C-alpha atoms as a PDB file:
ATOM      1  CA  MET A   1      19.640  -3.468  -7.638  1.00  0.00           C
ATOM      2  CA  LYS A   2      19.894   0.197  -8.521  1.00  0.00           C
ATOM      3  CA  LEU A   3      16.365   1.556  -8.908  1.00  0.00           C
ATOM      4  CA  LYS A   4      17.175   5.208  -9.521  1.00  0.00           C
ATOM      5  CA  PRO A   5      17.368   4.820 -13.352  1.00  0.00           C
ATOM      6  CA  LEU A   6      13.934   3.178 -13.322  1.00  0.00           C
ATOM      7  CA  TYR A   7      12.555   5.868 -11.050  1.00  0.00           C
ATOM      8  CA  ASN A   8      14.001   8.581 -13.285  1.00  0.00           C
ATOM      9  CA  ILE A   9      12.545   7.287 -16.551  1.00  0.00           C
ATOM     10  CA  LEU A  10       9.108   6.780 -15.008  1.00  0.00           C
ATOM     11  CA  GLU A  11       9.082  10.170 -13.304  1.00  0.00           C
ATOM     12  CA  THR A  12      10.352  11.966 -16.421  1.00  0.00           C
ATOM     13  CA  ASN A  13       7.642  10.461 -18.634  1.00  0.00           C
ATOM     14  CA  MET A  14       4.743  10.384 -16.181  1.00  0.00           C
ATOM     15  CA  GLY A  15       5.444  13.255 -13.812  1.00  0.00           C
ATOM     16  CA  PRO A  16       4.782  13.404 -10.051  1.00  0.00           C
ATOM     17  CA  GLN A  17       1.883  11.201  -8.977  1.00  0.00           C
ATOM     18  CA  ASN A  18       1.030  13.246  -5.853  1.00  0.00           C
ATOM     19  CA  TRP A  19      -0.570  10.368  -3.979  1.00  0.00           C
ATOM     20  CA  LEU A  20       0.176  12.202  -0.736  1.00  0.00           C
ATOM     21  CA  ALA A  21      -1.453  15.484  -1.707  1.00  0.00           C
ATOM     22  CA  PRO A  22      -3.230  17.141   1.277  1.00  0.00           C
ATOM     23  CA  GLU A  23      -6.648  16.610  -0.268  1.00  0.00           C
ATOM     24  CA  THR A  24      -6.121  12.851  -0.651  1.00  0.00           C
ATOM     25  CA  LEU A  25      -8.497  11.300   1.875  1.00  0.00           C
ATOM     26  CA  TRP A  26      -6.685   7.996   2.461  1.00  0.00           C
ATOM     27  CA  ALA A  27      -3.313   9.672   3.092  1.00  0.00           C
ATOM     28  CA  GLN A  28      -4.352  12.194   5.714  1.00  0.00           C
ATOM     29  CA  SER A  29      -3.229  10.183   8.747  1.00  0.00           C
ATOM     30  CA  PRO A  30      -1.753   6.773   9.641  1.00  0.00           C
ATOM     31  CA  LEU A  31      -5.218   5.695  10.782  1.00  0.00           C
ATOM     32  CA  GLN A  32      -6.779   6.713   7.474  1.00  0.00           C
ATOM     33  CA  VAL A  33      -4.043   4.782   5.645  1.00  0.00           C
ATOM     34  CA  MET A  34      -4.729   1.685   7.730  1.00  0.00           C
ATOM     35  CA  TRP A  35      -8.511   1.718   7.373  1.00  0.00           C
ATOM     36  CA  THR A  36      -8.388   2.431   3.638  1.00  0.00           C
ATOM     37  CA  ALA A  37      -5.771  -0.283   3.038  1.00  0.00           C
ATOM     38  CA  ILE A  38      -8.300  -2.736   4.468  1.00  0.00           C
ATOM     39  CA  LEU A  39     -11.321  -1.271   2.677  1.00  0.00           C
ATOM     40  CA  ILE A  40      -9.677  -1.282  -0.755  1.00  0.00           C
ATOM     41  CA  GLN A  41      -9.013  -5.016  -0.711  1.00  0.00           C
ATOM     42  CA  ASN A  42     -10.929  -6.453  -3.710  1.00  0.00           C
ATOM     43  CA  ALA A  43     -12.696  -3.115  -4.175  1.00  0.00           C
ATOM     44  CA  SER A  44     -12.447  -0.223  -6.592  1.00  0.00           C
ATOM     45  CA  ALA A  45     -10.801   2.987  -5.426  1.00  0.00           C
ATOM     46  CA  ALA A  46     -14.153   4.799  -5.711  1.00  0.00           C
ATOM     47  CA  ASN A  47     -15.992   2.258  -3.543  1.00  0.00           C
ATOM     48  CA  ALA A  48     -13.183   2.145  -0.981  1.00  0.00           C
ATOM     49  CA  THR A  49     -13.176   5.930  -0.791  1.00  0.00           C
ATOM     50  CA  ALA A  50     -16.935   6.008  -0.275  1.00  0.00           C
ATOM     51  CA  ALA A  51     -16.601   3.516   2.553  1.00  0.00           C
ATOM     52  CA  ALA A  52     -13.663   5.448   4.062  1.00  0.00           C
ATOM     53  CA  LYS A  53     -15.719   8.656   4.045  1.00  0.00           C
ATOM     54  CA  ALA A  54     -18.605   6.877   5.761  1.00  0.00           C
ATOM     55  CA  LEU A  55     -16.241   5.386   8.337  1.00  0.00           C
ATOM     56  CA  LEU A  56     -14.736   8.804   9.055  1.00  0.00           C
ATOM     57  CA  ALA A  57     -18.188  10.349   9.489  1.00  0.00           C
ATOM     58  CA  ALA A  58     -19.343   7.554  11.802  1.00  0.00           C
ATOM     59  CA  THR A  59     -16.239   7.121  13.959  1.00  0.00           C
ATOM     60  CA  ASP A  60     -13.938  10.118  13.397  1.00  0.00           C
ATOM     61  CA  ASN A  61     -11.405   7.344  12.655  1.00  0.00           C
ATOM     62  CA  ASP A  62     -11.040   6.828  16.421  1.00  0.00           C
ATOM     63  CA  PRO A  63      -9.740   3.275  17.072  1.00  0.00           C
ATOM     64  CA  ALA A  64     -11.531   3.232  20.437  1.00  0.00           C
ATOM     65  CA  VAL A  65     -14.852   3.899  18.730  1.00  0.00           C
ATOM     66  CA  ILE A  66     -14.200   1.205  16.117  1.00  0.00           C
ATOM     67  CA  ARG A  67     -13.185  -1.305  18.804  1.00  0.00           C
ATOM     68  CA  ASN A  68     -16.522  -0.809  20.570  1.00  0.00           C
ATOM     69  CA  LEU A  69     -18.761  -0.978  17.512  1.00  0.00           C
ATOM     70  CA  ASP A  70     -20.941  -3.991  16.920  1.00  0.00           C
ATOM     71  CA  PRO A  71     -19.518  -5.783  13.842  1.00  0.00           C
ATOM     72  CA  GLU A  72     -22.889  -5.686  12.069  1.00  0.00           C
ATOM     73  CA  ALA A  73     -23.237  -1.962  12.703  1.00  0.00           C
ATOM     74  CA  LEU A  74     -19.726  -1.366  11.380  1.00  0.00           C
ATOM     75  CA  ALA A  75     -20.442  -3.549   8.358  1.00  0.00           C
ATOM     76  CA  THR A  76     -23.420  -1.348   7.506  1.00  0.00           C
ATOM     77  CA  VAL A  77     -21.220   1.753   7.644  1.00  0.00           C
ATOM     78  CA  ILE A  78     -18.622   0.366   5.237  1.00  0.00           C
ATOM     79  CA  LYS A  79     -21.039  -1.405   2.884  1.00  0.00           C
ATOM     80  CA  PRO A  80     -19.828   0.449  -0.270  1.00  0.00           C
ATOM     81  CA  ALA A  81     -16.461  -1.367   0.008  1.00  0.00           C
ATOM     82  CA  GLY A  82     -18.012  -4.784  -0.539  1.00  0.00           C
ATOM     83  CA  LEU A  83     -17.228  -7.891   1.538  1.00  0.00           C
ATOM     84  CA  TYR A  84     -18.317  -5.565   4.312  1.00  0.00           C
ATOM     85  CA  ARG A  85     -18.923  -8.098   7.084  1.00  0.00           C
ATOM     86  CA  MET A  86     -15.480  -9.603   6.635  1.00  0.00           C
ATOM     87  CA  LYS A  87     -13.845  -6.175   6.400  1.00  0.00           C
ATOM     88  CA  ALA A  88     -15.649  -5.049   9.544  1.00  0.00           C
ATOM     89  CA  THR A  89     -13.933  -7.858  11.445  1.00  0.00           C
ATOM     90  CA  TYR A  90     -10.600  -6.792   9.933  1.00  0.00           C
ATOM     91  CA  LEU A  91     -11.126  -3.180  10.959  1.00  0.00           C
ATOM     92  CA  ILE A  92     -11.977  -4.194  14.510  1.00  0.00           C
ATOM     93  CA  ALA A  93      -8.916  -6.474  14.635  1.00  0.00           C
ATOM     94  CA  ALA A  94      -6.694  -3.608  13.463  1.00  0.00           C
ATOM     95  CA  ALA A  95      -8.251  -1.260  16.040  1.00  0.00           C
ATOM     96  CA  GLU A  96      -7.650  -3.840  18.761  1.00  0.00           C
ATOM     97  CA  TRP A  97      -4.038  -4.167  17.602  1.00  0.00           C
ATOM     98  CA  LEU A  98      -3.609  -0.401  17.905  1.00  0.00           C
ATOM     99  CA  GLY A  99      -5.074  -0.612  21.394  1.00  0.00           C
ATOM    100  CA  ARG A 100      -2.241  -2.905  22.450  1.00  0.00           C
ATOM    101  CA  TYR A 101       0.050   0.089  21.867  1.00  0.00           C
ATOM    102  CA  ASP A 102      -2.350   2.531  23.544  1.00  0.00           C
ATOM    103  CA  ASP A 103      -3.149   3.958  20.076  1.00  0.00           C
ATOM    104  CA  ASP A 104       0.253   5.649  20.197  1.00  0.00           C
ATOM    105  CA  LEU A 105       1.021   6.166  16.507  1.00  0.00           C
ATOM    106  CA  LEU A 106       4.432   7.726  17.119  1.00  0.00           C
ATOM    107  CA  ALA A 107       5.541   4.771  19.202  1.00  0.00           C
ATOM    108  CA  ILE A 108       4.422   2.435  16.420  1.00  0.00           C
ATOM    109  CA  GLU A 109       6.265   4.480  13.799  1.00  0.00           C
ATOM    110  CA  ARG A 110       9.476   4.232  15.854  1.00  0.00           C
ATOM    111  CA  MET A 111       9.398   0.424  15.740  1.00  0.00           C
ATOM    112  CA  ASP A 112      12.045  -1.099  13.510  1.00  0.00           C
ATOM    113  CA  ARG A 113      10.891  -2.490  10.200  1.00  0.00           C
ATOM    114  CA  LYS A 114      11.040  -6.203  11.029  1.00  0.00           C
ATOM    115  CA  THR A 115       9.263  -5.791  14.361  1.00  0.00           C
ATOM    116  CA  LEU A 116       6.481  -3.667  12.890  1.00  0.00           C
ATOM    117  CA  GLN A 117       6.096  -5.919   9.854  1.00  0.00           C
ATOM    118  CA  THR A 118       5.795  -9.018  12.031  1.00  0.00           C
ATOM    119  CA  ALA A 119       3.328  -7.288  14.345  1.00  0.00           C
ATOM    120  CA  LEU A 120       1.095  -6.118  11.509  1.00  0.00           C
ATOM    121  CA  LEU A 121       1.132  -9.494   9.799  1.00  0.00           C
ATOM    122  CA  SER A 122      -0.334 -10.958  12.987  1.00  0.00           C
ATOM    123  CA  VAL A 123      -3.494  -8.863  12.517  1.00  0.00           C
ATOM    124  CA  LYS A 124      -6.434 -10.689  10.960  1.00  0.00           C
ATOM    125  CA  GLY A 125      -6.934  -9.683   7.341  1.00  0.00           C
ATOM    126  CA  LEU A 126      -3.545  -8.052   6.791  1.00  0.00           C
ATOM    127  CA  GLY A 127      -1.366  -9.734   4.180  1.00  0.00           C
ATOM    128  CA  ASN A 128       2.036  -8.757   2.849  1.00  0.00           C
ATOM    129  CA  GLU A 129       0.939  -6.035   0.441  1.00  0.00           C
ATOM    130  CA  THR A 130      -1.573  -4.467   2.825  1.00  0.00           C
ATOM    131  CA  VAL A 131       1.001  -4.455   5.612  1.00  0.00           C
ATOM    132  CA  ASP A 132       3.594  -2.814   3.393  1.00  0.00           C
ATOM    133  CA  ASP A 133       1.115  -0.154   2.252  1.00  0.00           C
ATOM    134  CA  ILE A 134       0.429   0.658   5.905  1.00  0.00           C
ATOM    135  CA  MET A 135       4.111   0.648   6.804  1.00  0.00           C
ATOM    136  CA  MET A 136       5.189   2.937   3.976  1.00  0.00           C
ATOM    137  CA  TYR A 137       2.303   5.379   3.713  1.00  0.00           C
ATOM    138  CA  GLY A 138       1.156   5.287   7.321  1.00  0.00           C
ATOM    139  CA  PHE A 139       4.408   4.888   9.229  1.00  0.00           C
ATOM    140  CA  HIS A 140       7.032   6.153   6.731  1.00  0.00           C
ATOM    141  CA  HIS A 141       9.157   3.035   6.306  1.00  0.00           C
ATOM    142  CA  PRO A 142      11.011   3.035   2.963  1.00  0.00           C
ATOM    143  CA  LEU A 143      10.281  -0.219   1.142  1.00  0.00           C
ATOM    144  CA  PHE A 144       9.367  -1.736  -2.201  1.00  0.00           C
ATOM    145  CA  ILE A 145       5.771  -2.900  -2.590  1.00  0.00           C
ATOM    146  CA  ALA A 146       5.977  -6.072  -4.657  1.00  0.00           C
ATOM    147  CA  ASP A 147       2.445  -6.030  -6.016  1.00  0.00           C
ATOM    148  CA  THR A 148       1.037  -7.560  -9.203  1.00  0.00           C
ATOM    149  CA  TYR A 149       1.834  -4.500 -11.340  1.00  0.00           C
ATOM    150  CA  ALA A 150       5.455  -4.560 -10.151  1.00  0.00           C
ATOM    151  CA  ARG A 151       5.783  -8.306 -10.727  1.00  0.00           C
ATOM    152  CA  ARG A 152       4.530  -7.956 -14.314  1.00  0.00           C
ATOM    153  CA  GLN A 153       6.629  -4.921 -15.148  1.00  0.00           C
ATOM    154  CA  PHE A 154       9.859  -6.226 -13.625  1.00  0.00           C
ATOM    155  CA  GLY A 155       9.451  -9.352 -15.724  1.00  0.00           C
ATOM    156  CA  TRP A 156       9.207  -7.172 -18.827  1.00  0.00           C
ATOM    157  CA  LEU A 157      12.285  -5.302 -17.597  1.00  0.00           C
ATOM    158  CA  GLY A 158      14.296  -8.496 -17.814  1.00  0.00           C
ATOM    159  CA  LEU A 159      14.282  -9.616 -14.184  1.00  0.00           C
ATOM    160  CA  GLU A 160      13.717 -13.237 -13.205  1.00  0.00           C
ATOM    161  CA  VAL A 161      11.044 -12.492 -10.624  1.00  0.00           C
ATOM    162  CA  PRO A 162      11.003 -14.798  -7.568  1.00  0.00           C
ATOM    163  CA  LYS A 163       7.687 -16.478  -6.855  1.00  0.00           C
ATOM    164  CA  SER A 164       7.332 -15.309  -3.266  1.00  0.00           C
ATOM    165  CA  TYR A 165       6.395 -11.767  -2.334  1.00  0.00           C
ATOM    166  CA  ARG A 166       9.205 -11.314   0.197  1.00  0.00           C
ATOM    167  CA  ALA A 167      11.903 -12.846  -2.003  1.00  0.00           C
ATOM    168  CA  PHE A 168      10.934 -10.482  -4.828  1.00  0.00           C
ATOM    169  CA  GLN A 169      10.939  -7.528  -2.444  1.00  0.00           C
ATOM    170  CA  GLN A 170      14.313  -8.399  -0.972  1.00  0.00           C
ATOM    171  CA  LEU A 171      15.901  -8.845  -4.401  1.00  0.00           C
ATOM    172  CA  VAL A 172      14.668  -5.459  -5.595  1.00  0.00           C
ATOM    173  CA  GLU A 173      15.529  -3.615  -2.392  1.00  0.00           C
ATOM    174  CA  ALA A 174      19.143  -4.796  -2.250  1.00  0.00           C
ATOM    175  CA  ASP A 175      21.237  -1.676  -2.924  1.00  0.00           C
ATOM    176  CA  ALA A 176      18.156   0.112  -4.315  1.00  0.00           C
ATOM    177  CA  GLY A 177      19.453   3.596  -3.520  1.00  0.00           C
ATOM    178  CA  LEU A 178      16.070   5.266  -3.033  1.00  0.00           C
ATOM    179  CA  THR A 179      14.775   7.534  -0.269  1.00  0.00           C
ATOM    180  CA  TRP A 180      11.408   7.018   1.414  1.00  0.00           C
ATOM    181  CA  PHE A 181       9.889   9.694  -0.833  1.00  0.00           C
ATOM    182  CA  GLU A 182      11.253   7.977  -3.944  1.00  0.00           C
ATOM    183  CA  PHE A 183      10.060   4.536  -2.845  1.00  0.00           C
ATOM    184  CA  GLN A 184       6.505   5.743  -2.284  1.00  0.00           C
ATOM    185  CA  GLU A 185       6.541   7.684  -5.545  1.00  0.00           C
ATOM    186  CA  LEU A 186       7.963   4.675  -7.429  1.00  0.00           C
ATOM    187  CA  HIS A 187       5.064   2.554  -6.196  1.00  0.00           C
ATOM    188  CA  ALA A 188       2.626   5.169  -7.436  1.00  0.00           C
ATOM    189  CA  LEU A 189       4.375   5.373 -10.808  1.00  0.00           C
ATOM    190  CA  ILE A 190       4.419   1.595 -11.233  1.00  0.00           C
ATOM    191  CA  ASP A 191       0.731   1.316 -10.403  1.00  0.00           C
ATOM    192  CA  GLY A 192      -0.151   4.269 -12.613  1.00  0.00           C
ATOM    193  CA  LEU A 193       1.708   2.693 -15.525  1.00  0.00           C
ATOM    194  CA  GLY A 194       0.166  -0.700 -14.784  1.00  0.00           C
ATOM    195  CA  LYS A 195      -3.319   0.729 -15.259  1.00  0.00           C
ATOM    196  CA  GLN A 196      -2.313   1.967 -18.721  1.00  0.00           C
ATOM    197  CA  ILE A 197      -0.121  -0.879 -19.981  1.00  0.00           C
ATOM    198  CA  LYS A 198      -1.493  -4.390 -19.595  1.00  0.00           C
ATOM    199  CA  THR A 199       0.342  -6.463 -22.215  1.00  0.00           C
ATOM    200  CA  ALA A 200       3.916  -7.088 -23.319  1.00  0.00           C
ATOM    201  CA  THR A 201       3.059  -5.651 -26.737  1.00  0.00           C
ATOM    202  CA  GLN A 202       1.861  -2.392 -25.196  1.00  0.00           C
ATOM    203  CA  TRP A 203       4.991  -2.329 -23.031  1.00  0.00           C
ATOM    204  CA  GLU A 204       7.321  -2.718 -26.015  1.00  0.00           C
ATOM    205  CA  ALA A 205       5.539   0.101 -27.819  1.00  0.00           C
ATOM    206  CA  SER A 206       5.760   2.443 -24.803  1.00  0.00           C
ATOM    207  CA  PHE A 207       8.571   4.675 -23.563  1.00  0.00           C
ATOM    208  CA  MET A 208       9.710   1.691 -21.452  1.00  0.00           C
ATOM    209  CA  GLY A 209      10.208  -0.623 -24.406  1.00  0.00           C
ATOM    210  CA  SER A 210      14.003  -0.273 -24.667  1.00  0.00           C
ATOM    211  CA  PHE A 211      14.717   0.070 -20.932  1.00  0.00           C
ATOM    212  CA  LYS A 212      16.149  -2.884 -19.029  1.00  0.00           C
ATOM    213  CA  LEU A 213      17.006  -3.331 -15.348  1.00  0.00           C
ATOM    214  CA  ARG A 214      20.435  -4.368 -14.214  1.00  0.00           C
ATOM    215  CA  GLU A 215      20.603  -6.340 -10.993  1.00  0.00           C
ATOM    216  CA  ARG A 216      23.881  -4.641  -9.969  1.00  0.00           C
END
């Protein structure tokens, strides 16, 4: 599925999203990406950011520090994110996973996609979307994040969207023709548009109304 026409129309009408700007807290390192991807689960961006700032101040984002924190103490630090006791266990599990690779982020980034995806999915609290966020923004793997916004929009674009996350992702990625930069920007564009357009009526009235995807 050629995604470049979709990327072009979104980028032309919405402009660069700059999710990876230097001042963006969550994007400043692979560790920051990982922690924030956990903290933002079922939380607003503002609350997740507040928790991420508190975590950075308390631990310097050091996995070794996080591994050795008492779960209740860590939960107190990240309280703004909500579900803080559960997320504390997820953060510790992710820190322990990093420890199995001696916290060597470059070695993790060099892992092939399937190996890294499988490894991350074994970590408590990390589902498909969270894993893919970490893989793309933390470890620079080009991929399509098949989130709820994408599912809704691709349906409006005329695609018969598979029910499973991975089947949808694989269908879209086949012959996609995008670079890593374009994949991460496409995700930002889709999510940005999804926050503005919530119904089929709004979609039809937007600049996307006459645009349709072609599977090949």
